[in-house]
Amino acid sequence: MKIKVKVAEKQKITKKIDTDFIRLDAFLKMNDAVQSGGHAKIVIQEGEVKVNGEVCTMRGKKLRKGDTAEFERVIYIVE
């Protein structure tokens, strides 16, 4: 018996920053991906966030233009 599985495409959101970089936790808060800085800290340290396709556990990770952060099947792009 064959089972067909349809995988939902990941949503992509682009957010422009006016500085050279932004910290990962602040970027997640700015995009309303998390409820607070404390929530951001927990999800990052638990390994639930990917930066440029790799799991990142550093909440102070600097994101620059062109970087991506993925959380809960949504890809956030720094522009």
C-alpha atoms as a PDB file:
ATOM      1  CA  MET A   1       0.000   0.000   0.000  1.00  0.00           C
ATOM      2  CA  LYS A   2       1.310   3.448  -0.932  1.00  0.00           C
ATOM      3  CA  ILE A   3       0.618   6.510   1.131  1.00  0.00           C
ATOM      4  CA  LYS A   4       0.900   9.949  -0.382  1.00  0.00           C
ATOM      5  CA  VAL A   5       2.083  12.679   1.931  1.00  0.00           C
ATOM      6  CA  LYS A   6       1.810  16.316   1.035  1.00  0.00           C
ATOM      7  CA  VAL A   7       4.331  18.551   2.784  1.00  0.00           C
ATOM      8  CA  ALA A   8       3.257  22.141   3.255  1.00  0.00           C
ATOM      9  CA  GLU A   9       5.600  24.719   1.815  1.00  0.00           C
ATOM     10  CA  LYS A  10       7.336  26.914   4.361  1.00  0.00           C
ATOM     11  CA  GLN A  11       6.132  30.483   4.658  1.00  0.00           C
ATOM     12  CA  LYS A  12       8.736  33.178   3.955  1.00  0.00           C
ATOM     13  CA  ILE A  13       8.717  36.623   5.535  1.00  0.00           C
ATOM     14  CA  THR A  14      11.190  39.352   4.631  1.00  0.00           C
ATOM     15  CA  LYS A  15      12.042  42.087   7.141  1.00  0.00           C
ATOM     16  CA  LYS A  16      14.207  45.113   6.421  1.00  0.00           C
ATOM     17  CA  ILE A  17      16.708  46.326   9.023  1.00  0.00           C
ATOM     18  CA  ASP A  18      18.345  49.759   9.117  1.00  0.00           C
ATOM     19  CA  THR A  19      21.522  48.653  10.918  1.00  0.00           C
ATOM     20  CA  ASP A  20      24.523  46.526   9.902  1.00  0.00           C
ATOM     21  CA  PHE A  21      23.254  43.592  11.971  1.00  0.00           C
ATOM     22  CA  ILE A  22      20.543  42.500  14.414  1.00  0.00           C
ATOM     23  CA  ARG A  23      20.723  39.924  17.196  1.00  0.00           C
ATOM     24  CA  LEU A  24      18.804  36.703  16.611  1.00  0.00           C
ATOM     25  CA  ASP A  25      16.577  37.105  19.680  1.00  0.00           C
ATOM     26  CA  ALA A  26      15.693  40.696  18.726  1.00  0.00           C
ATOM     27  CA  PHE A  27      14.958  39.636  15.142  1.00  0.00           C
ATOM     28  CA  LEU A  28      12.526  36.947  16.305  1.00  0.00           C
ATOM     29  CA  LYS A  29      10.773  39.485  18.565  1.00  0.00           C
ATOM     30  CA  MET A  30      10.647  42.065  15.762  1.00  0.00           C
ATOM     31  CA  ASN A  31       8.842  39.540  13.543  1.00  0.00           C
ATOM     32  CA  ASP A  32       6.408  38.537  16.334  1.00  0.00           C
ATOM     33  CA  ALA A  33       7.695  34.960  16.059  1.00  0.00           C
ATOM     34  CA  VAL A  34       8.027  34.864  19.866  1.00  0.00           C
ATOM     35  CA  GLN A  35       6.094  36.534  22.661  1.00  0.00           C
ATOM     36  CA  SER A  36       9.036  38.040  24.568  1.00  0.00           C
ATOM     37  CA  GLY A  37      12.786  38.091  24.942  1.00  0.00           C
ATOM     38  CA  GLY A  38      12.511  35.308  27.512  1.00  0.00           C
ATOM     39  CA  HIS A  39      10.538  33.188  25.072  1.00  0.00           C
ATOM     40  CA  ALA A  40      13.179  33.864  22.389  1.00  0.00           C
ATOM     41  CA  LYS A  41      15.930  32.765  24.776  1.00  0.00           C
ATOM     42  CA  ILE A  42      14.172  29.468  25.514  1.00  0.00           C
ATOM     43  CA  VAL A  43      13.400  28.486  21.914  1.00  0.00           C
ATOM     44  CA  ILE A  44      16.916  29.390  20.759  1.00  0.00           C
ATOM     45  CA  GLN A  45      18.650  27.498  23.578  1.00  0.00           C
ATOM     46  CA  GLU A  46      16.384  24.476  23.002  1.00  0.00           C
ATOM     47  CA  GLY A  47      17.635  24.287  19.396  1.00  0.00           C
ATOM     48  CA  GLU A  48      14.288  25.159  17.794  1.00  0.00           C
ATOM     49  CA  VAL A  49      15.740  27.934  15.593  1.00  0.00           C
ATOM     50  CA  LYS A  50      17.850  27.540  12.469  1.00  0.00           C
ATOM     51  CA  VAL A  51      20.083  30.270  11.078  1.00  0.00           C
ATOM     52  CA  ASN A  52      21.019  29.886   7.423  1.00  0.00           C
ATOM     53  CA  GLY A  53      19.797  26.277   7.533  1.00  0.00           C
ATOM     54  CA  GLU A  54      21.742  25.161  10.639  1.00  0.00           C
ATOM     55  CA  VAL A  55      20.539  24.912  14.242  1.00  0.00           C
ATOM     56  CA  CYS A  56      21.756  27.908  16.248  1.00  0.00           C
ATOM     57  CA  THR A  57      21.743  28.033  20.063  1.00  0.00           C
ATOM     58  CA  MET A  58      23.367  31.481  20.409  1.00  0.00           C
ATOM     59  CA  ARG A  59      20.700  34.078  21.125  1.00  0.00           C
ATOM     60  CA  GLY A  60      23.184  36.895  20.488  1.00  0.00           C
ATOM     61  CA  LYS A  61      24.015  35.587  17.007  1.00  0.00           C
ATOM     62  CA  LYS A  62      24.408  38.551  14.665  1.00  0.00           C
ATOM     63  CA  LEU A  63      22.217  38.407  11.585  1.00  0.00           C
ATOM     64  CA  ARG A  64      23.177  40.489   8.583  1.00  0.00           C
ATOM     65  CA  LYS A  65      21.400  41.275   5.334  1.00  0.00           C
ATOM     66  CA  GLY A  66      20.813  38.065   3.373  1.00  0.00           C
ATOM     67  CA  ASP A  67      20.746  35.807   6.464  1.00  0.00           C
ATOM     68  CA  THR A  68      17.726  33.664   7.291  1.00  0.00           C
ATOM     69  CA  ALA A  69      16.221  32.491  10.572  1.00  0.00           C
ATOM     70  CA  GLU A  70      13.729  29.622  10.624  1.00  0.00           C
ATOM     71  CA  PHE A  71      11.291  28.953  13.457  1.00  0.00           C
ATOM     72  CA  GLU A  72       8.062  26.921  13.437  1.00  0.00           C
ATOM     73  CA  ARG A  73       8.091  26.323   9.661  1.00  0.00           C
ATOM     74  CA  VAL A  74       8.454  30.037   8.861  1.00  0.00           C
ATOM     75  CA  ILE A  75      11.597  31.414   7.250  1.00  0.00           C
ATOM     76  CA  TYR A  76      12.438  35.001   8.203  1.00  0.00           C
ATOM     77  CA  ILE A  77      14.789  36.756   5.776  1.00  0.00           C
ATOM     78  CA  VAL A  78      16.922  39.753   6.784  1.00  0.00           C
ATOM     79  CA  GLU A  79      16.816  42.430   4.090  1.00  0.00           C
END
